[in-house]
Amino acid sequence: MSAVEIEKEIEKLEPDELRKLSAWFADFAAKQAEASAEDAEWHAFALAKFASLYDDEEPEYSLQDIKR
């Protein structure tokens, strides 16, 4: 369904149906934002943990070293 088709269907909604859809969409958007924030927190945590495993004394490994 295209955006134009969706818009036409939304225009057909009664006011109470539109309120329900709007409330549902606001809830959905809030949950997506929460999930995105949680993903960012996990990403930052993973990077910090990974960085904590290596210090400045850790040698640099070449691609050849890794392939062995």
N, C-alpha and C. Protein backbone atom coordinates (compact mmCIF):
# COMPACT_ATOMS: atom_id res chain seq x y z
N MET A 1 0.86 -1.17 0.00
CA MET A 1 0.00 0.00 0.00
C MET A 1 0.90 1.23 0.00
N SER A 2 0.63 2.16 -0.88
CA SER A 2 1.44 3.37 -0.97
C SER A 2 1.03 4.38 0.08
N ALA A 3 1.85 5.39 0.26
CA ALA A 3 1.55 6.46 1.21
C ALA A 3 0.28 7.19 0.81
N VAL A 4 0.06 7.37 -0.47
CA VAL A 4 -1.15 8.05 -0.95
C VAL A 4 -2.38 7.22 -0.61
N GLU A 5 -2.30 5.91 -0.79
CA GLU A 5 -3.42 5.03 -0.46
C GLU A 5 -3.71 5.05 1.04
N ILE A 6 -2.66 5.03 1.82
CA ILE A 6 -2.83 5.10 3.28
C ILE A 6 -3.48 6.41 3.67
N GLU A 7 -3.03 7.50 3.08
CA GLU A 7 -3.61 8.81 3.39
C GLU A 7 -5.10 8.85 3.04
N LYS A 8 -5.47 8.27 1.92
CA LYS A 8 -6.89 8.23 1.54
C LYS A 8 -7.71 7.43 2.53
N GLU A 9 -7.15 6.33 3.02
CA GLU A 9 -7.86 5.51 4.01
C GLU A 9 -8.00 6.26 5.33
N ILE A 10 -6.96 6.97 5.73
CA ILE A 10 -7.02 7.75 6.97
C ILE A 10 -8.07 8.85 6.87
N GLU A 11 -8.17 9.46 5.72
CA GLU A 11 -9.17 10.52 5.52
C GLU A 11 -10.59 9.99 5.68
N LYS A 12 -10.79 8.70 5.47
CA LYS A 12 -12.12 8.10 5.60
C LYS A 12 -12.51 7.81 7.05
N LEU A 13 -11.56 7.86 7.97
CA LEU A 13 -11.83 7.51 9.36
C LEU A 13 -12.73 8.53 10.05
N GLU A 14 -13.56 8.00 10.90
CA GLU A 14 -14.40 8.85 11.76
C GLU A 14 -13.50 9.46 12.83
N PRO A 15 -13.93 10.58 13.43
CA PRO A 15 -13.09 11.24 14.44
C PRO A 15 -12.65 10.32 15.59
N ASP A 16 -13.56 9.48 16.09
CA ASP A 16 -13.17 8.59 17.19
C ASP A 16 -12.17 7.53 16.73
N GLU A 17 -12.32 7.05 15.49
CA GLU A 17 -11.36 6.09 14.94
C GLU A 17 -10.00 6.75 14.75
N LEU A 18 -10.02 8.00 14.31
CA LEU A 18 -8.79 8.74 14.10
C LEU A 18 -8.07 8.98 15.43
N ARG A 19 -8.81 9.27 16.49
CA ARG A 19 -8.22 9.44 17.82
C ARG A 19 -7.55 8.15 18.28
N LYS A 20 -8.23 7.02 18.07
CA LYS A 20 -7.66 5.72 18.46
C LYS A 20 -6.38 5.43 17.67
N LEU A 21 -6.42 5.70 16.38
CA LEU A 21 -5.24 5.48 15.55
C LEU A 21 -4.11 6.41 15.98
N SER A 22 -4.42 7.65 16.27
CA SER A 22 -3.41 8.61 16.70
C SER A 22 -2.78 8.18 18.02
N ALA A 23 -3.60 7.72 18.95
CA ALA A 23 -3.09 7.25 20.24
C ALA A 23 -2.21 6.02 20.06
N TRP A 24 -2.65 5.11 19.19
CA TRP A 24 -1.86 3.92 18.93
C TRP A 24 -0.52 4.30 18.31
N PHE A 25 -0.54 5.21 17.35
CA PHE A 25 0.69 5.61 16.68
C PHE A 25 1.63 6.31 17.65
N ALA A 26 1.11 7.16 18.52
CA ALA A 26 1.95 7.84 19.51
C ALA A 26 2.60 6.82 20.44
N ASP A 27 1.85 5.81 20.86
CA ASP A 27 2.39 4.76 21.71
C ASP A 27 3.46 3.97 20.97
N PHE A 28 3.19 3.64 19.73
CA PHE A 28 4.14 2.90 18.90
C PHE A 28 5.43 3.70 18.74
N ALA A 29 5.31 4.98 18.44
CA ALA A 29 6.50 5.82 18.25
C ALA A 29 7.31 5.93 19.54
N ALA A 30 6.63 6.03 20.66
CA ALA A 30 7.33 6.11 21.96
C ALA A 30 8.10 4.82 22.23
N LYS A 31 7.48 3.68 21.94
CA LYS A 31 8.15 2.39 22.14
C LYS A 31 9.36 2.25 21.23
N GLN A 32 9.24 2.73 20.00
CA GLN A 32 10.37 2.68 19.07
C GLN A 32 11.52 3.55 19.57
N ALA A 33 11.19 4.72 20.10
CA ALA A 33 12.22 5.61 20.64
C ALA A 33 12.92 4.98 21.84
N GLU A 34 12.14 4.31 22.71
CA GLU A 34 12.72 3.61 23.86
C GLU A 34 13.66 2.51 23.40
N ALA A 35 13.23 1.74 22.42
CA ALA A 35 14.05 0.64 21.90
C ALA A 35 15.33 1.19 21.29
N SER A 36 15.22 2.29 20.57
CA SER A 36 16.39 2.89 19.95
C SER A 36 17.37 3.39 21.01
N ALA A 37 16.84 3.99 22.06
CA ALA A 37 17.70 4.47 23.16
C ALA A 37 18.38 3.30 23.85
N GLU A 38 17.62 2.21 24.06
CA GLU A 38 18.20 1.03 24.69
C GLU A 38 19.29 0.43 23.81
N ASP A 39 19.06 0.39 22.50
CA ASP A 39 20.08 -0.12 21.57
C ASP A 39 21.34 0.73 21.67
N ALA A 40 21.19 2.04 21.74
CA ALA A 40 22.34 2.93 21.85
C ALA A 40 23.10 2.68 23.15
N GLU A 41 22.37 2.44 24.24
CA GLU A 41 23.01 2.16 25.52
C GLU A 41 23.79 0.84 25.46
N TRP A 42 23.21 -0.18 24.86
CA TRP A 42 23.91 -1.46 24.74
C TRP A 42 25.14 -1.31 23.85
N HIS A 43 25.04 -0.54 22.80
CA HIS A 43 26.17 -0.32 21.90
C HIS A 43 27.31 0.37 22.65
N ALA A 44 26.98 1.40 23.41
CA ALA A 44 28.00 2.12 24.18
C ALA A 44 28.63 1.19 25.22
N PHE A 45 27.82 0.37 25.88
CA PHE A 45 28.31 -0.58 26.87
C PHE A 45 29.28 -1.57 26.23
N ALA A 46 28.90 -2.12 25.08
CA ALA A 46 29.74 -3.10 24.39
C ALA A 46 31.07 -2.48 23.98
N LEU A 47 31.04 -1.26 23.46
CA LEU A 47 32.28 -0.60 23.06
C LEU A 47 33.18 -0.36 24.28
N ALA A 48 32.58 0.06 25.38
CA ALA A 48 33.37 0.33 26.59
C ALA A 48 33.99 -0.97 27.11
N LYS A 49 33.23 -2.05 27.13
CA LYS A 49 33.76 -3.33 27.59
C LYS A 49 34.88 -3.81 26.67
N PHE A 50 34.68 -3.68 25.39
CA PHE A 50 35.70 -4.11 24.43
C PHE A 50 36.97 -3.28 24.63
N ALA A 51 36.83 -1.98 24.78
CA ALA A 51 37.98 -1.11 24.97
C ALA A 51 38.70 -1.43 26.27
N SER A 52 37.95 -1.84 27.30
CA SER A 52 38.58 -2.13 28.59
C SER A 52 39.44 -3.40 28.54
N LEU A 53 39.25 -4.23 27.54
CA LEU A 53 40.01 -5.47 27.43
C LEU A 53 41.41 -5.24 26.89
N TYR A 54 41.64 -4.10 26.27
CA TYR A 54 42.92 -3.81 25.65
C TYR A 54 43.48 -2.51 26.21
N ASP A 55 44.77 -2.53 26.52
CA ASP A 55 45.39 -1.29 27.00
C ASP A 55 46.39 -0.78 25.96
N ASP A 56 47.11 0.26 26.34
CA ASP A 56 48.06 0.87 25.40
C ASP A 56 49.24 -0.02 25.08
N GLU A 57 49.47 -1.03 25.89
CA GLU A 57 50.59 -1.95 25.68
C GLU A 57 50.24 -3.08 24.70
N GLU A 58 48.98 -3.19 24.33
CA GLU A 58 48.55 -4.26 23.42
C GLU A 58 49.19 -4.03 22.05
N PRO A 59 49.83 -5.06 21.50
CA PRO A 59 50.45 -4.89 20.17
C PRO A 59 49.39 -4.76 19.08
N GLU A 60 49.78 -4.12 18.02
CA GLU A 60 48.91 -4.02 16.85
C GLU A 60 49.06 -5.31 16.05
N TYR A 61 47.96 -5.86 15.62
CA TYR A 61 47.99 -7.09 14.84
C TYR A 61 47.69 -6.75 13.38
N SER A 62 48.51 -7.28 12.51
CA SER A 62 48.29 -7.06 11.08
C SER A 62 47.25 -8.06 10.58
N LEU A 63 46.78 -7.84 9.38
CA LEU A 63 45.84 -8.76 8.76
C LEU A 63 46.50 -10.14 8.61
N GLN A 64 47.80 -10.16 8.32
CA GLN A 64 48.54 -11.42 8.19
C GLN A 64 48.53 -12.19 9.51
N ASP A 65 48.70 -11.46 10.64
CA ASP A 65 48.67 -12.11 11.96
C ASP A 65 47.32 -12.74 12.22
N ILE A 66 46.27 -12.06 11.86
CA ILE A 66 44.93 -12.53 12.12
C ILE A 66 44.59 -13.76 11.28
N LYS A 67 45.13 -13.82 10.07
CA LYS A 67 44.84 -14.94 9.17
C LYS A 67 45.56 -16.21 9.57
N ARG A 68 46.60 -16.11 10.39
CA ARG A 68 47.35 -17.32 10.78
C ARG A 68 46.58 -18.20 11.67
